[in-house]
Amino acid sequence: MSNIDNAIRVVRSVIQVLHDGQKGLAAIGSELKDETAKHFLLQETQLRAEYAAELENELHRLGVHDVNEGGTAAGTVERVWGDLKAKLGGGDSTLLETAEQGEDAAKAKYAEALTETLPGNIAHLLRDQQAHVLESHNKIRSLRDGHA
């Protein structure tokens, strides 16, 4: 596999996780009672969309014209699980725990992506995005702990 093909594969996998995060955080945010947590998660959904768009632009630069990433099967399961917890009265703590699990998946995907040999601009972009994803994870964990 060429370095360009590998970079395309890696970037696509990160975009999928970003789409999962965007959808999952939106679904969980809409169910939260805590207005601070709700506001934070909904802001994060916008940021995930921006991060995905930045990476899609990088794919365009690499010659990929059809960048239609919808998310992963695991992400769909996570959102359904979050919806189920909300319907069963899981409360904010349980919902924030689900959001944190989604952020764990994003953290892992970024860490995995950054072990690959990638063009400098893509690696730099991923490192910048990863720094925020780590901050977001910690904020969600803090919000969850505040409801425990």
Protein backbone atom coordinates (compact mmCIF):
# COMPACT_ATOMS: atom_id res chain seq x y z
CA MET A 1 0.00 0.00 0.00
CA SER A 2 1.43 3.41 -0.94
CA ASN A 3 1.90 6.16 1.63
CA ILE A 4 -0.90 8.16 -0.02
CA ASP A 5 -3.29 5.18 0.05
CA ASN A 6 -2.42 4.59 3.70
CA ALA A 7 -2.99 8.28 4.53
CA ILE A 8 -6.38 8.13 2.81
CA ARG A 9 -7.34 5.01 4.78
CA VAL A 10 -6.25 6.57 8.08
CA VAL A 11 -8.01 9.89 7.46
CA ARG A 12 -11.22 8.13 6.43
CA SER A 13 -11.19 6.11 9.66
CA VAL A 14 -10.80 9.27 11.76
CA ILE A 15 -13.60 10.98 9.81
CA GLN A 16 -15.89 8.03 10.58
CA VAL A 17 -15.19 8.33 14.30
CA LEU A 18 -15.78 12.09 14.14
CA HIS A 19 -19.16 11.49 12.51
CA ASP A 20 -19.96 8.92 15.21
CA GLY A 21 -18.99 11.43 17.88
CA GLN A 22 -21.01 14.19 16.29
CA LYS A 23 -24.15 12.07 16.14
CA GLY A 24 -23.63 10.48 19.55
CA LEU A 25 -22.90 13.73 21.37
CA ALA A 26 -25.93 15.37 19.74
CA ALA A 27 -28.21 12.50 20.76
CA ILE A 28 -26.90 12.45 24.32
CA GLY A 29 -26.85 16.23 24.61
CA SER A 30 -30.50 16.43 23.63
CA GLU A 31 -31.41 14.10 26.53
CA LEU A 32 -29.38 15.80 29.28
CA LYS A 33 -31.11 17.78 32.02
CA ASP A 34 -27.93 19.64 33.07
CA GLU A 35 -27.86 22.76 30.88
CA THR A 36 -24.08 23.22 31.22
CA ALA A 37 -23.40 19.65 30.08
CA LYS A 38 -26.01 19.90 27.33
CA HIS A 39 -24.46 23.13 26.02
CA PHE A 40 -20.95 21.66 26.11
CA LEU A 41 -21.92 18.48 24.23
CA LEU A 42 -23.83 20.42 21.60
CA GLN A 43 -20.81 22.71 21.08
CA GLU A 44 -18.66 19.61 20.67
CA THR A 45 -20.97 18.29 17.93
CA GLN A 46 -20.21 21.42 15.91
CA LEU A 47 -16.50 20.99 16.48
CA ARG A 48 -16.62 17.36 15.34
CA ALA A 49 -18.30 18.50 12.12
CA GLU A 50 -15.58 21.12 11.61
CA TYR A 51 -12.82 18.57 12.25
CA ALA A 52 -14.39 16.14 9.78
CA ALA A 53 -14.62 18.93 7.16
CA GLU A 54 -10.95 19.82 7.69
CA LEU A 55 -9.95 16.18 7.13
CA GLU A 56 -12.27 15.87 4.13
CA ASN A 57 -10.45 18.87 2.62
CA GLU A 58 -7.17 17.01 3.12
CA LEU A 59 -8.62 14.00 1.30
CA HIS A 60 -9.61 16.29 -1.58
CA ARG A 61 -5.99 17.51 -1.70
CA LEU A 62 -4.90 13.88 -1.94
CA GLY A 63 -7.18 13.43 -4.97
CA VAL A 64 -10.18 11.78 -3.31
CA HIS A 65 -13.30 13.27 -4.83
CA ASP A 66 -15.99 11.14 -3.15
CA VAL A 67 -15.64 11.66 0.59
CA ASN A 68 -18.88 10.26 1.91
CA GLU A 69 -18.15 8.87 5.36
CA GLY A 70 -21.17 8.22 7.49
CA GLY A 71 -19.81 6.65 10.64
CA THR A 72 -19.19 3.14 11.88
CA ALA A 73 -21.38 0.26 12.96
CA ALA A 74 -19.89 0.55 16.46
CA GLY A 75 -20.90 4.21 16.56
CA THR A 76 -24.46 3.31 15.62
CA VAL A 77 -24.56 0.75 18.43
CA GLU A 78 -23.21 3.35 20.88
CA ARG A 79 -25.93 5.86 19.90
CA VAL A 80 -28.67 3.24 20.20
CA TRP A 81 -27.32 2.25 23.63
CA GLY A 82 -27.34 5.91 24.68
CA ASP A 83 -30.92 6.30 23.47
CA LEU A 84 -31.94 3.18 25.36
CA LYS A 85 -30.30 4.40 28.58
CA ALA A 86 -32.16 7.71 28.24
CA LYS A 87 -35.49 5.96 27.72
CA LEU A 88 -34.90 3.72 30.73
CA GLY A 89 -34.21 6.72 32.94
CA GLY A 90 -30.45 6.47 33.03
CA GLY A 91 -30.07 10.10 34.05
CA ASP A 92 -27.31 12.56 33.29
CA SER A 93 -24.54 10.54 34.94
CA THR A 94 -25.30 7.47 32.83
CA LEU A 95 -25.63 9.53 29.65
CA LEU A 96 -22.34 11.33 30.32
CA GLU A 97 -20.70 7.96 30.94
CA THR A 98 -21.87 6.91 27.47
CA ALA A 99 -20.50 10.15 26.00
CA GLU A 100 -17.18 9.48 27.72
CA GLN A 101 -17.06 6.00 26.18
CA GLY A 102 -17.55 7.58 22.77
CA GLU A 103 -14.69 9.97 23.49
CA ASP A 104 -12.56 6.96 24.48
CA ALA A 105 -13.12 5.60 20.97
CA ALA A 106 -12.10 8.94 19.45
CA LYS A 107 -8.97 9.11 21.64
CA ALA A 108 -8.00 5.59 20.56
CA LYS A 109 -8.57 6.34 16.87
CA TYR A 110 -6.43 9.49 16.97
CA ALA A 111 -3.66 7.66 18.85
CA GLU A 112 -3.77 4.84 16.29
CA ALA A 113 -3.79 7.27 13.36
CA LEU A 114 -0.75 9.13 14.67
CA THR A 115 1.33 5.93 14.73
CA GLU A 116 1.09 5.88 10.92
CA THR A 117 3.41 7.60 8.46
CA LEU A 118 1.36 10.55 7.23
CA PRO A 119 2.06 13.70 5.23
CA GLY A 120 3.19 16.48 7.59
CA ASN A 121 0.10 18.65 7.17
CA ILE A 122 -2.23 15.76 7.99
CA ALA A 123 -0.17 14.64 10.98
CA HIS A 124 -0.11 18.22 12.30
CA LEU A 125 -3.87 18.59 11.85
CA LEU A 126 -4.51 15.27 13.61
CA ARG A 127 -2.27 16.24 16.54
CA ASP A 128 -4.11 19.56 16.94
CA GLN A 129 -7.49 17.85 16.81
CA GLN A 130 -6.32 15.11 19.17
CA ALA A 131 -5.33 17.69 21.78
CA HIS A 132 -8.87 19.03 21.83
CA VAL A 133 -10.45 15.56 21.86
CA LEU A 134 -8.38 14.76 24.97
CA GLU A 135 -9.56 18.00 26.63
CA SER A 136 -13.16 17.22 25.68
CA HIS A 137 -12.88 13.72 27.14
CA ASN A 138 -11.58 15.12 30.42
CA LYS A 139 -14.36 17.74 30.54
CA ILE A 140 -17.03 15.10 29.94
CA ARG A 141 -15.51 12.89 32.65
CA SER A 142 -15.54 15.88 35.02
CA LEU A 143 -19.17 16.60 34.19
CA ARG A 144 -20.01 12.92 34.73
CA ASP A 145 -18.19 12.87 38.07
CA GLY A 146 -20.20 15.91 39.12
CA HIS A 147 -23.39 13.86 38.66
CA ALA A 148 -22.16 10.66 40.30
